[in-house]
Amino acid sequence: ILPKGLNEKTLNGIMNKIDSLEGKEFNIKEICELTEMSNVTIKKY
């Protein structure tokens, strides 16, 4: 099951953004901009 502090909807949203990159490399900042979430949150996921 998901570790404490991780949310299923948030995880699905992040995974969808990663999938939209079509295999390209990315960094935390890029995912933060795509999801409008903080660095700390994105790093946990």
PDB file of all heavy atoms in Angstrom:
ATOM      1  N   ILE A   1       0.856  -1.180   0.000  1.00  0.00           N
ATOM      2  CA  ILE A   1       0.000   0.000   0.000  1.00  0.00           C
ATOM      3  C   ILE A   1       0.892   1.231   0.000  1.00  0.00           C
ATOM      4  O   ILE A   1       2.096   1.135   0.248  1.00  0.00           O
ATOM      5  CB  ILE A   1      -0.947  -0.004   1.215  1.00  0.00           C
ATOM      6  CG1 ILE A   1      -0.150  -0.065   2.515  1.00  0.00           C
ATOM      7  CG2 ILE A   1      -1.927  -1.156   1.124  1.00  0.00           C
ATOM      8  CD1 ILE A   1      -0.991   0.134   3.754  1.00  0.00           C
ATOM      9  N   LEU A   2       0.303   2.364  -0.266  1.00  0.00           N
ATOM     10  CA  LEU A   2       1.089   3.594  -0.298  1.00  0.00           C
ATOM     11  C   LEU A   2       1.645   3.906   1.086  1.00  0.00           C
ATOM     12  O   LEU A   2       0.953   3.745   2.090  1.00  0.00           O
ATOM     13  CB  LEU A   2       0.226   4.759  -0.764  1.00  0.00           C
ATOM     14  CG  LEU A   2      -0.145   4.776  -2.230  1.00  0.00           C
ATOM     15  CD1 LEU A   2      -1.092   5.933  -2.504  1.00  0.00           C
ATOM     16  CD2 LEU A   2       1.069   4.863  -3.110  1.00  0.00           C
ATOM     17  N   PRO A   3       2.876   4.384   1.127  1.00  0.00           N
ATOM     18  CA  PRO A   3       3.443   4.787   2.417  1.00  0.00           C
ATOM     19  C   PRO A   3       2.665   5.958   3.007  1.00  0.00           C
ATOM     20  O   PRO A   3       2.001   6.710   2.291  1.00  0.00           O
ATOM     21  CB  PRO A   3       4.865   5.234   2.055  1.00  0.00           C
ATOM     22  CG  PRO A   3       5.152   4.645   0.731  1.00  0.00           C
ATOM     23  CD  PRO A   3       3.829   4.499   0.036  1.00  0.00           C
ATOM     24  N   LYS A   4       2.771   6.103   4.306  1.00  0.00           N
ATOM     25  CA  LYS A   4       2.110   7.201   5.008  1.00  0.00           C
ATOM     26  C   LYS A   4       2.531   8.534   4.392  1.00  0.00           C
ATOM     27  O   LYS A   4       3.703   8.750   4.103  1.00  0.00           O
ATOM     28  CB  LYS A   4       2.497   7.163   6.488  1.00  0.00           C
ATOM     29  CG  LYS A   4       1.793   8.179   7.322  1.00  0.00           C
ATOM     30  CD  LYS A   4       2.166   8.061   8.772  1.00  0.00           C
ATOM     31  CE  LYS A   4       1.451   9.123   9.577  1.00  0.00           C
ATOM     32  NZ  LYS A   4       1.792   9.043  10.985  1.00  0.00           N
ATOM     33  N   GLY A   5       1.566   9.402   4.176  1.00  0.00           N
ATOM     34  CA  GLY A   5       1.845  10.727   3.645  1.00  0.00           C
ATOM     35  C   GLY A   5       1.710  10.837   2.137  1.00  0.00           C
ATOM     36  O   GLY A   5       1.737  11.934   1.596  1.00  0.00           O
ATOM     37  N   LEU A   6       1.552   9.706   1.436  1.00  0.00           N
ATOM     38  CA  LEU A   6       1.361   9.742  -0.014  1.00  0.00           C
ATOM     39  C   LEU A   6      -0.114   9.516  -0.323  1.00  0.00           C
ATOM     40  O   LEU A   6      -0.776   8.709   0.311  1.00  0.00           O
ATOM     41  CB  LEU A   6       2.209   8.687  -0.719  1.00  0.00           C
ATOM     42  CG  LEU A   6       3.718   8.806  -0.571  1.00  0.00           C
ATOM     43  CD1 LEU A   6       4.417   7.790  -1.464  1.00  0.00           C
ATOM     44  CD2 LEU A   6       4.221  10.196  -0.861  1.00  0.00           C
ATOM     45  N   ASN A   7      -0.598  10.257  -1.315  1.00  0.00           N
ATOM     46  CA  ASN A   7      -2.007  10.244  -1.677  1.00  0.00           C
ATOM     47  C   ASN A   7      -2.173   9.609  -3.056  1.00  0.00           C
ATOM     48  O   ASN A   7      -1.424   9.917  -3.980  1.00  0.00           O
ATOM     49  CB  ASN A   7      -2.512  11.686  -1.666  1.00  0.00           C
ATOM     50  CG  ASN A   7      -3.933  11.820  -2.096  1.00  0.00           C
ATOM     51  OD1 ASN A   7      -4.244  11.732  -3.283  1.00  0.00           O
ATOM     52  ND2 ASN A   7      -4.802  12.039  -1.132  1.00  0.00           N
ATOM     53  N   GLU A   8      -3.177   8.763  -3.188  1.00  0.00           N
ATOM     54  CA  GLU A   8      -3.406   8.035  -4.444  1.00  0.00           C
ATOM     55  C   GLU A   8      -3.675   8.966  -5.625  1.00  0.00           C
ATOM     56  O   GLU A   8      -3.122   8.787  -6.709  1.00  0.00           O
ATOM     57  CB  GLU A   8      -4.592   7.088  -4.243  1.00  0.00           C
ATOM     58  CG  GLU A   8      -4.811   6.132  -5.371  1.00  0.00           C
ATOM     59  CD  GLU A   8      -5.868   5.088  -5.040  1.00  0.00           C
ATOM     60  OE1 GLU A   8      -5.969   4.662  -3.875  1.00  0.00           O
ATOM     61  OE2 GLU A   8      -6.592   4.717  -5.974  1.00  0.00           O
ATOM     62  N   LYS A   9      -4.519   9.982  -5.421  1.00  0.00           N
ATOM     63  CA  LYS A   9      -4.830  10.923  -6.513  1.00  0.00           C
ATOM     64  C   LYS A   9      -3.588  11.698  -6.939  1.00  0.00           C
ATOM     65  O   LYS A   9      -3.343  11.899  -8.123  1.00  0.00           O
ATOM     66  CB  LYS A   9      -5.907  11.911  -6.071  1.00  0.00           C
ATOM     67  CG  LYS A   9      -7.296  11.475  -6.320  1.00  0.00           C
ATOM     68  CD  LYS A   9      -8.245  12.627  -6.018  1.00  0.00           C
ATOM     69  CE  LYS A   9      -9.613  12.309  -6.533  1.00  0.00           C
ATOM     70  NZ  LYS A   9     -10.565  13.381  -6.253  1.00  0.00           N
ATOM     71  N   THR A  10      -2.825  12.151  -5.970  1.00  0.00           N
ATOM     72  CA  THR A  10      -1.605  12.905  -6.269  1.00  0.00           C
ATOM     73  C   THR A  10      -0.614  12.029  -7.022  1.00  0.00           C
ATOM     74  O   THR A  10      -0.019  12.460  -8.008  1.00  0.00           O
ATOM     75  CB  THR A  10      -0.975  13.448  -4.972  1.00  0.00           C
ATOM     76  OG1 THR A  10      -1.951  14.232  -4.279  1.00  0.00           O
ATOM     77  CG2 THR A  10       0.257  14.282  -5.254  1.00  0.00           C
ATOM     78  N   LEU A  11      -0.455  10.795  -6.570  1.00  0.00           N
ATOM     79  CA  LEU A  11       0.461   9.874  -7.241  1.00  0.00           C
ATOM     80  C   LEU A  11       0.030   9.625  -8.675  1.00  0.00           C
ATOM     81  O   LEU A  11       0.861   9.677  -9.589  1.00  0.00           O
ATOM     82  CB  LEU A  11       0.537   8.553  -6.473  1.00  0.00           C
ATOM     83  CG  LEU A  11       1.472   7.499  -7.060  1.00  0.00           C
ATOM     84  CD1 LEU A  11       2.906   8.012  -7.136  1.00  0.00           C
ATOM     85  CD2 LEU A  11       1.409   6.227  -6.246  1.00  0.00           C
ATOM     86  N   ASN A  12      -1.252   9.393  -8.902  1.00  0.00           N
ATOM     87  CA  ASN A  12      -1.740   9.194 -10.273  1.00  0.00           C
ATOM     88  C   ASN A  12      -1.481  10.423 -11.142  1.00  0.00           C
ATOM     89  O   ASN A  12      -1.101  10.298 -12.305  1.00  0.00           O
ATOM     90  CB  ASN A  12      -3.234   8.852 -10.283  1.00  0.00           C
ATOM     91  CG  ASN A  12      -3.477   7.367 -10.202  1.00  0.00           C
ATOM     92  OD1 ASN A  12      -2.695   6.572 -10.707  1.00  0.00           O
ATOM     93  ND2 ASN A  12      -4.563   6.986  -9.558  1.00  0.00           N
ATOM     94  N   GLY A  13      -1.677  11.615 -10.577  1.00  0.00           N
ATOM     95  CA  GLY A  13      -1.422  12.847 -11.327  1.00  0.00           C
ATOM     96  C   GLY A  13       0.035  12.982 -11.717  1.00  0.00           C
ATOM     97  O   GLY A  13       0.359  13.345 -12.861  1.00  0.00           O
ATOM     98  N   ILE A  14       0.933  12.677 -10.803  1.00  0.00           N
ATOM     99  CA  ILE A  14       2.365  12.762 -11.087  1.00  0.00           C
ATOM    100  C   ILE A  14       2.752  11.720 -12.139  1.00  0.00           C
ATOM    101  O   ILE A  14       3.494  12.016 -13.081  1.00  0.00           O
ATOM    102  CB  ILE A  14       3.187  12.590  -9.795  1.00  0.00           C
ATOM    103  CG1 ILE A  14       2.970  13.802  -8.887  1.00  0.00           C
ATOM    104  CG2 ILE A  14       4.673  12.395 -10.100  1.00  0.00           C
ATOM    105  CD1 ILE A  14       3.495  13.643  -7.477  1.00  0.00           C
ATOM    106  N   MET A  15       2.210  10.522 -11.999  1.00  0.00           N
ATOM    107  CA  MET A  15       2.513   9.471 -12.972  1.00  0.00           C
ATOM    108  C   MET A  15       2.016   9.849 -14.373  1.00  0.00           C
ATOM    109  O   MET A  15       2.687   9.601 -15.368  1.00  0.00           O
ATOM    110  CB  MET A  15       1.909   8.150 -12.522  1.00  0.00           C
ATOM    111  CG  MET A  15       2.587   7.597 -11.287  1.00  0.00           C
ATOM    112  SD  MET A  15       1.704   6.221 -10.540  1.00  0.00           S
ATOM    113  CE  MET A  15       1.930   4.969 -11.787  1.00  0.00           C
ATOM    114  N   ASN A  16       0.858  10.481 -14.452  1.00  0.00           N
ATOM    115  CA  ASN A  16       0.344  10.935 -15.744  1.00  0.00           C
ATOM    116  C   ASN A  16       1.265  11.979 -16.374  1.00  0.00           C
ATOM    117  O   ASN A  16       1.491  11.965 -17.587  1.00  0.00           O
ATOM    118  CB  ASN A  16      -1.073  11.485 -15.604  1.00  0.00           C
ATOM    119  CG  ASN A  16      -2.094  10.396 -15.376  1.00  0.00           C
ATOM    120  OD1 ASN A  16      -1.909   9.257 -15.771  1.00  0.00           O
ATOM    121  ND2 ASN A  16      -3.181  10.744 -14.706  1.00  0.00           N
ATOM    122  N   LYS A  17       1.782  12.895 -15.553  1.00  0.00           N
ATOM    123  CA  LYS A  17       2.709  13.906 -16.083  1.00  0.00           C
ATOM    124  C   LYS A  17       3.999  13.252 -16.560  1.00  0.00           C
ATOM    125  O   LYS A  17       4.550  13.631 -17.598  1.00  0.00           O
ATOM    126  CB  LYS A  17       3.021  14.969 -15.022  1.00  0.00           C
ATOM    127  CG  LYS A  17       1.833  15.786 -14.595  1.00  0.00           C
ATOM    128  CD  LYS A  17       1.207  16.544 -15.749  1.00  0.00           C
ATOM    129  CE  LYS A  17       0.052  17.386 -15.258  1.00  0.00           C
ATOM    130  NZ  LYS A  17      -0.650  18.063 -16.330  1.00  0.00           N
ATOM    131  N   ILE A  18       4.492  12.273 -15.817  1.00  0.00           N
ATOM    132  CA  ILE A  18       5.703  11.559 -16.233  1.00  0.00           C
ATOM    133  C   ILE A  18       5.449  10.833 -17.554  1.00  0.00           C
ATOM    134  O   ILE A  18       6.274  10.872 -18.467  1.00  0.00           O
ATOM    135  CB  ILE A  18       6.161  10.581 -15.127  1.00  0.00           C
ATOM    136  CG1 ILE A  18       6.682  11.370 -13.926  1.00  0.00           C
ATOM    137  CG2 ILE A  18       7.226   9.621 -15.659  1.00  0.00           C
ATOM    138  CD1 ILE A  18       6.943  10.537 -12.690  1.00  0.00           C
ATOM    139  N   ASP A  19       4.291  10.196 -17.672  1.00  0.00           N
ATOM    140  CA  ASP A  19       3.950   9.499 -18.919  1.00  0.00           C
ATOM    141  C   ASP A  19       3.881  10.458 -20.102  1.00  0.00           C
ATOM    142  O   ASP A  19       4.258  10.107 -21.218  1.00  0.00           O
ATOM    143  CB  ASP A  19       2.607   8.779 -18.778  1.00  0.00           C
ATOM    144  CG  ASP A  19       2.687   7.581 -17.867  1.00  0.00           C
ATOM    145  OD1 ASP A  19       3.806   7.119 -17.550  1.00  0.00           O
ATOM    146  OD2 ASP A  19       1.614   7.096 -17.437  1.00  0.00           O
ATOM    147  N   SER A  20       3.424  11.679 -19.848  1.00  0.00           N
ATOM    148  CA  SER A  20       3.296  12.653 -20.934  1.00  0.00           C
ATOM    149  C   SER A  20       4.653  13.092 -21.488  1.00  0.00           C
ATOM    150  O   SER A  20       4.721  13.651 -22.578  1.00  0.00           O
ATOM    151  CB  SER A  20       2.499  13.873 -20.462  1.00  0.00           C
ATOM    152  OG  SER A  20       3.277  14.699 -19.612  1.00  0.00           O
ATOM    153  N   LEU A  21       5.721  12.822 -20.754  1.00  0.00           N
ATOM    154  CA  LEU A  21       7.070  13.187 -21.221  1.00  0.00           C
ATOM    155  C   LEU A  21       7.623  12.183 -22.226  1.00  0.00           C
ATOM    156  O   LEU A  21       8.695  12.398 -22.782  1.00  0.00           O
ATOM    157  CB  LEU A  21       8.014  13.313 -20.018  1.00  0.00           C
ATOM    158  CG  LEU A  21       7.648  14.402 -19.026  1.00  0.00           C
ATOM    159  CD1 LEU A  21       8.544  14.324 -17.794  1.00  0.00           C
ATOM    160  CD2 LEU A  21       7.737  15.777 -19.669  1.00  0.00           C
ATOM    161  N   GLU A  22       6.905  11.096 -22.438  1.00  0.00           N
ATOM    162  CA  GLU A  22       7.229  10.101 -23.465  1.00  0.00           C
ATOM    163  C   GLU A  22       8.663   9.599 -23.403  1.00  0.00           C
ATOM    164  O   GLU A  22       9.369   9.555 -24.403  1.00  0.00           O
ATOM    165  CB  GLU A  22       6.899  10.657 -24.848  1.00  0.00           C
ATOM    166  CG  GLU A  22       5.436  11.021 -25.001  1.00  0.00           C
ATOM    167  CD  GLU A  22       5.108  11.648 -26.332  1.00  0.00           C
ATOM    168  OE1 GLU A  22       6.027  12.083 -27.052  1.00  0.00           O
ATOM    169  OE2 GLU A  22       3.909  11.707 -26.641  1.00  0.00           O
ATOM    170  N   GLY A  23       9.125   9.245 -22.215  1.00  0.00           N
ATOM    171  CA  GLY A  23      10.447   8.638 -22.074  1.00  0.00           C
ATOM    172  C   GLY A  23      11.611   9.600 -21.957  1.00  0.00           C
ATOM    173  O   GLY A  23      12.750   9.167 -21.816  1.00  0.00           O
ATOM    174  N   LYS A  24      11.352  10.898 -22.023  1.00  0.00           N
ATOM    175  CA  LYS A  24      12.434  11.878 -21.880  1.00  0.00           C
ATOM    176  C   LYS A  24      12.871  11.970 -20.426  1.00  0.00           C
ATOM    177  O   LYS A  24      12.084  11.744 -19.512  1.00  0.00           O
ATOM    178  CB  LYS A  24      11.972  13.264 -22.329  1.00  0.00           C
ATOM    179  CG  LYS A  24      11.636  13.368 -23.782  1.00  0.00           C
ATOM    180  CD  LYS A  24      11.238  14.789 -24.109  1.00  0.00           C
ATOM    181  CE  LYS A  24      10.156  14.795 -25.165  1.00  0.00           C
ATOM    182  NZ  LYS A  24       9.489  16.068 -25.277  1.00  0.00           N
ATOM    183  N   GLU A  25      14.145  12.319 -20.220  1.00  0.00           N
ATOM    184  CA  GLU A  25      14.626  12.555 -18.862  1.00  0.00           C
ATOM    185  C   GLU A  25      13.999  13.844 -18.327  1.00  0.00           C
ATOM    186  O   GLU A  25      13.684  14.753 -19.086  1.00  0.00           O
ATOM    187  CB  GLU A  25      16.141  12.675 -18.841  1.00  0.00           C
ATOM    188  CG  GLU A  25      16.836  11.362 -19.057  1.00  0.00           C
ATOM    189  CD  GLU A  25      18.339  11.455 -18.844  1.00  0.00           C
ATOM    190  OE1 GLU A  25      18.911  12.569 -18.957  1.00  0.00           O
ATOM    191  OE2 GLU A  25      18.936  10.411 -18.566  1.00  0.00           O
ATOM    192  N   PHE A  26      13.846  13.908 -17.011  1.00  0.00           N
ATOM    193  CA  PHE A  26      13.269  15.088 -16.381  1.00  0.00           C
ATOM    194  C   PHE A  26      13.888  15.261 -15.008  1.00  0.00           C
ATOM    195  O   PHE A  26      14.481  14.343 -14.452  1.00  0.00           O
ATOM    196  CB  PHE A  26      11.737  14.958 -16.272  1.00  0.00           C
ATOM    197  CG  PHE A  26      11.292  13.747 -15.489  1.00  0.00           C
ATOM    198  CD1 PHE A  26      11.069  13.827 -14.119  1.00  0.00           C
ATOM    199  CD2 PHE A  26      11.096  12.537 -16.126  1.00  0.00           C
ATOM    200  CE1 PHE A  26      10.657  12.710 -13.400  1.00  0.00           C
ATOM    201  CE2 PHE A  26      10.683  11.416 -15.415  1.00  0.00           C
ATOM    202  CZ  PHE A  26      10.465  11.504 -14.053  1.00  0.00           C
ATOM    203  N   ASN A  27      13.743  16.472 -14.471  1.00  0.00           N
ATOM    204  CA  ASN A  27      14.220  16.733 -13.108  1.00  0.00           C
ATOM    205  C   ASN A  27      13.040  17.164 -12.236  1.00  0.00           C
ATOM    206  O   ASN A  27      11.923  17.310 -12.714  1.00  0.00           O
ATOM    207  CB  ASN A  27      15.353  17.770 -13.100  1.00  0.00           C
ATOM    208  CG  ASN A  27      14.938  19.100 -13.681  1.00  0.00           C
ATOM    209  OD1 ASN A  27      13.799  19.528 -13.544  1.00  0.00           O
ATOM    210  ND2 ASN A  27      15.865  19.766 -14.341  1.00  0.00           N
ATOM    211  N   ILE A  28      13.312  17.337 -10.976  1.00  0.00           N
ATOM    212  CA  ILE A  28      12.253  17.686 -10.022  1.00  0.00           C
ATOM    213  C   ILE A  28      11.583  19.001 -10.408  1.00  0.00           C
ATOM    214  O   ILE A  28      10.360  19.117 -10.371  1.00  0.00           O
ATOM    215  CB  ILE A  28      12.818  17.755  -8.591  1.00  0.00           C
ATOM    216  CG1 ILE A  28      13.209  16.362  -8.119  1.00  0.00           C
ATOM    217  CG2 ILE A  28      11.807  18.375  -7.625  1.00  0.00           C
ATOM    218  CD1 ILE A  28      13.918  16.324  -6.784  1.00  0.00           C
ATOM    219  N   LYS A  29      12.368  19.971 -10.798  1.00  0.00           N
ATOM    220  CA  LYS A  29      11.821  21.284 -11.141  1.00  0.00           C
ATOM    221  C   LYS A  29      10.803  21.192 -12.275  1.00  0.00           C
ATOM    222  O   LYS A  29       9.751  21.829 -12.230  1.00  0.00           O
ATOM    223  CB  LYS A  29      12.964  22.237 -11.529  1.00  0.00           C
ATOM    224  CG  LYS A  29      12.502  23.632 -11.849  1.00  0.00           C
ATOM    225  CD  LYS A  29      13.661  24.529 -12.207  1.00  0.00           C
ATOM    226  CE  LYS A  29      13.150  25.908 -12.597  1.00  0.00           C
ATOM    227  NZ  LYS A  29      14.209  26.775 -13.069  1.00  0.00           N
ATOM    228  N   GLU A  30      11.104  20.384 -13.283  1.00  0.00           N
ATOM    229  CA  GLU A  30      10.175  20.242 -14.414  1.00  0.00           C
ATOM    230  C   GLU A  30       8.843  19.631 -13.975  1.00  0.00           C
ATOM    231  O   GLU A  30       7.777  20.091 -14.391  1.00  0.00           O
ATOM    232  CB  GLU A  30      10.813  19.382 -15.511  1.00  0.00           C
ATOM    233  CG  GLU A  30      11.977  20.080 -16.181  1.00  0.00           C
ATOM    234  CD  GLU A  30      12.817  19.162 -17.044  1.00  0.00           C
ATOM    235  OE1 GLU A  30      12.911  17.952 -16.740  1.00  0.00           O
ATOM    236  OE2 GLU A  30      13.394  19.666 -18.026  1.00  0.00           O
ATOM    237  N   ILE A  31       8.898  18.621 -13.117  1.00  0.00           N
ATOM    238  CA  ILE A  31       7.662  18.008 -12.635  1.00  0.00           C
ATOM    239  C   ILE A  31       6.908  18.977 -11.718  1.00  0.00           C
ATOM    240  O   ILE A  31       5.676  19.040 -11.754  1.00  0.00           O
ATOM    241  CB  ILE A  31       7.941  16.666 -11.927  1.00  0.00           C
ATOM    242  CG1 ILE A  31       8.556  15.669 -12.907  1.00  0.00           C
ATOM    243  CG2 ILE A  31       6.670  16.088 -11.307  1.00  0.00           C
ATOM    244  CD1 ILE A  31       7.666  15.285 -14.070  1.00  0.00           C
ATOM    245  N   CYS A  32       7.644  19.754 -10.938  1.00  0.00           N
ATOM    246  CA  CYS A  32       7.002  20.776 -10.088  1.00  0.00           C
ATOM    247  C   CYS A  32       6.211  21.758 -10.935  1.00  0.00           C
ATOM    248  O   CYS A  32       5.084  22.120 -10.587  1.00  0.00           O
ATOM    249  CB  CYS A  32       8.042  21.523  -9.259  1.00  0.00           C
ATOM    250  SG  CYS A  32       8.747  20.559  -7.935  1.00  0.00           S
ATOM    251  N   GLU A  33       6.802  22.183 -12.036  1.00  0.00           N
ATOM    252  CA  GLU A  33       6.123  23.145 -12.906  1.00  0.00           C
ATOM    253  C   GLU A  33       4.898  22.520 -13.567  1.00  0.00           C
ATOM    254  O   GLU A  33       3.862  23.168 -13.694  1.00  0.00           O
ATOM    255  CB  GLU A  33       7.095  23.675 -13.959  1.00  0.00           C
ATOM    256  CG  GLU A  33       8.155  24.574 -13.370  1.00  0.00           C
ATOM    257  CD  GLU A  33       9.270  24.929 -14.345  1.00  0.00           C
ATOM    258  OE1 GLU A  33       9.250  24.458 -15.506  1.00  0.00           O
ATOM    259  OE2 GLU A  33      10.183  25.672 -13.932  1.00  0.00           O
ATOM    260  N   LEU A  34       5.007  21.268 -13.979  1.00  0.00           N
ATOM    261  CA  LEU A  34       3.885  20.594 -14.631  1.00  0.00           C
ATOM    262  C   LEU A  34       2.722  20.341 -13.672  1.00  0.00           C
ATOM    263  O   LEU A  34       1.559  20.409 -14.065  1.00  0.00           O
ATOM    264  CB  LEU A  34       4.334  19.253 -15.230  1.00  0.00           C
ATOM    265  CG  LEU A  34       5.236  19.314 -16.453  1.00  0.00           C
ATOM    266  CD1 LEU A  34       5.747  17.917 -16.799  1.00  0.00           C
ATOM    267  CD2 LEU A  34       4.482  19.914 -17.639  1.00  0.00           C
ATOM    268  N   THR A  35       3.038  20.036 -12.422  1.00  0.00           N
ATOM    269  CA  THR A  35       2.006  19.668 -11.447  1.00  0.00           C
ATOM    270  C   THR A  35       1.605  20.810 -10.522  1.00  0.00           C
ATOM    271  O   THR A  35       0.612  20.693  -9.815  1.00  0.00           O
ATOM    272  CB  THR A  35       2.487  18.501 -10.569  1.00  0.00           C
ATOM    273  OG1 THR A  35       3.661  18.906  -9.873  1.00  0.00           O
ATOM    274  CG2 THR A  35       2.757  17.256 -11.389  1.00  0.00           C
ATOM    275  N   GLU A  36       2.402  21.876 -10.506  1.00  0.00           N
ATOM    276  CA  GLU A  36       2.203  23.005  -9.594  1.00  0.00           C
ATOM    277  C   GLU A  36       2.264  22.562  -8.133  1.00  0.00           C
ATOM    278  O   GLU A  36       1.481  22.996  -7.298  1.00  0.00           O
ATOM    279  CB  GLU A  36       0.887  23.727  -9.906  1.00  0.00           C
ATOM    280  CG  GLU A  36       0.871  24.316 -11.302  1.00  0.00           C
ATOM    281  CD  GLU A  36      -0.419  25.031 -11.639  1.00  0.00           C
ATOM    282  OE1 GLU A  36      -1.365  25.032 -10.812  1.00  0.00           O
ATOM    283  OE2 GLU A  36      -0.482  25.608 -12.732  1.00  0.00           O
ATOM    284  N   MET A  37       3.218  21.671  -7.850  1.00  0.00           N
ATOM    285  CA  MET A  37       3.454  21.191  -6.487  1.00  0.00           C
ATOM    286  C   MET A  37       4.858  21.589  -6.054  1.00  0.00           C
ATOM    287  O   MET A  37       5.695  21.924  -6.879  1.00  0.00           O
ATOM    288  CB  MET A  37       3.311  19.668  -6.419  1.00  0.00           C
ATOM    289  CG  MET A  37       1.921  19.176  -6.675  1.00  0.00           C
ATOM    290  SD  MET A  37       1.881  17.395  -6.543  1.00  0.00           S
ATOM    291  CE  MET A  37       0.441  17.044  -7.512  1.00  0.00           C
ATOM    292  N   SER A  38       5.111  21.500  -4.744  1.00  0.00           N
ATOM    293  CA  SER A  38       6.410  21.901  -4.204  1.00  0.00           C
ATOM    294  C   SER A  38       7.486  20.849  -4.471  1.00  0.00           C
ATOM    295  O   SER A  38       7.188  19.677  -4.708  1.00  0.00           O
ATOM    296  CB  SER A  38       6.304  22.131  -2.694  1.00  0.00           C
ATOM    297  OG  SER A  38       6.191  20.883  -2.024  1.00  0.00           O
ATOM    298  N   ASN A  39       8.746  21.297  -4.392  1.00  0.00           N
ATOM    299  CA  ASN A  39       9.888  20.393  -4.561  1.00  0.00           C
ATOM    300  C   ASN A  39       9.856  19.248  -3.560  1.00  0.00           C
ATOM    301  O   ASN A  39      10.134  18.101  -3.915  1.00  0.00           O
ATOM    302  CB  ASN A  39      11.205  21.150  -4.372  1.00  0.00           C
ATOM    303  CG  ASN A  39      11.527  22.080  -5.504  1.00  0.00           C
ATOM    304  OD1 ASN A  39      10.735  22.251  -6.427  1.00  0.00           O
ATOM    305  ND2 ASN A  39      12.691  22.687  -5.438  1.00  0.00           N
ATOM    306  N   VAL A  40       9.545  19.566  -2.313  1.00  0.00           N
ATOM    307  CA  VAL A  40       9.544  18.554  -1.255  1.00  0.00           C
ATOM    308  C   VAL A  40       8.487  17.487  -1.545  1.00  0.00           C
ATOM    309  O   VAL A  40       8.762  16.280  -1.427  1.00  0.00           O
ATOM    310  CB  VAL A  40       9.300  19.204   0.121  1.00  0.00           C
ATOM    311  CG1 VAL A  40       9.131  18.160   1.203  1.00  0.00           C
ATOM    312  CG2 VAL A  40      10.432  20.164   0.469  1.00  0.00           C
ATOM    313  N   THR A  41       7.312  17.910  -1.957  1.00  0.00           N
ATOM    314  CA  THR A  41       6.242  16.967  -2.277  1.00  0.00           C
ATOM    315  C   THR A  41       6.640  16.077  -3.438  1.00  0.00           C
ATOM    316  O   THR A  41       6.528  14.847  -3.369  1.00  0.00           O
ATOM    317  CB  THR A  41       4.937  17.721  -2.608  1.00  0.00           C
ATOM    318  OG1 THR A  41       4.536  18.464  -1.467  1.00  0.00           O
ATOM    319  CG2 THR A  41       3.835  16.770  -3.033  1.00  0.00           C
ATOM    320  N   ILE A  42       7.123  16.680  -4.503  1.00  0.00           N
ATOM    321  CA  ILE A  42       7.506  15.908  -5.691  1.00  0.00           C
ATOM    322  C   ILE A  42       8.628  14.937  -5.356  1.00  0.00           C
ATOM    323  O   ILE A  42       8.607  13.779  -5.787  1.00  0.00           O
ATOM    324  CB  ILE A  42       7.907  16.844  -6.853  1.00  0.00           C
ATOM    325  CG1 ILE A  42       6.684  17.633  -7.333  1.00  0.00           C
ATOM    326  CG2 ILE A  42       8.535  16.056  -7.996  1.00  0.00           C
ATOM    327  CD1 ILE A  42       5.532  16.806  -7.864  1.00  0.00           C
ATOM    328  N   LYS A  43       9.605  15.362  -4.582  1.00  0.00           N
ATOM    329  CA  LYS A  43      10.721  14.485  -4.218  1.00  0.00           C
ATOM    330  C   LYS A  43      10.224  13.239  -3.482  1.00  0.00           C
ATOM    331  O   LYS A  43      10.688  12.133  -3.734  1.00  0.00           O
ATOM    332  CB  LYS A  43      11.747  15.261  -3.378  1.00  0.00           C
ATOM    333  CG  LYS A  43      12.934  14.447  -2.933  1.00  0.00           C
ATOM    334  CD  LYS A  43      13.817  14.025  -4.079  1.00  0.00           C
ATOM    335  CE  LYS A  43      15.093  13.374  -3.541  1.00  0.00           C
ATOM    336  NZ  LYS A  43      15.544  12.272  -4.367  1.00  0.00           N
ATOM    337  N   LYS A  44       9.260  13.400  -2.566  1.00  0.00           N
ATOM    338  CA  LYS A  44       8.701  12.252  -1.840  1.00  0.00           C
ATOM    339  C   LYS A  44       8.092  11.241  -2.808  1.00  0.00           C
ATOM    340  O   LYS A  44       8.320  10.038  -2.691  1.00  0.00           O
ATOM    341  CB  LYS A  44       7.597  12.693  -0.863  1.00  0.00           C
ATOM    342  CG  LYS A  44       8.071  13.265   0.422  1.00  0.00           C
ATOM    343  CD  LYS A  44       6.950  13.378   1.447  1.00  0.00           C
ATOM    344  CE  LYS A  44       5.722  14.071   0.925  1.00  0.00           C
ATOM    345  NZ  LYS A  44       4.715  14.360   1.955  1.00  0.00           N
ATOM    346  N   TYR A  45       7.317  11.741  -3.758  1.00  0.00           N
ATOM    347  CA  TYR A  45       6.654  10.854  -4.708  1.00  0.00           C
ATOM    348  C   TYR A  45       7.656  10.223  -5.670  1.00  0.00           C
ATOM    349  O   TYR A  45       7.541   9.043  -6.006  1.00  0.00           O
ATOM    350  CB  TYR A  45       5.548  11.587  -5.466  1.00  0.00           C
ATOM    351  CG  TYR A  45       4.309  11.770  -4.623  1.00  0.00           C
ATOM    352  CD1 TYR A  45       4.137  12.900  -3.835  1.00  0.00           C
ATOM    353  CD2 TYR A  45       3.313  10.802  -4.600  1.00  0.00           C
ATOM    354  CE1 TYR A  45       3.008  13.059  -3.047  1.00  0.00           C
ATOM    355  CE2 TYR A  45       2.173  10.954  -3.817  1.00  0.00           C
ATOM    356  CZ  TYR A  45       2.036  12.087  -3.042  1.00  0.00           C
ATOM    357  OH  TYR A  45       0.919  12.227  -2.255  1.00  0.00           O
TER     358      TYR A  45
END
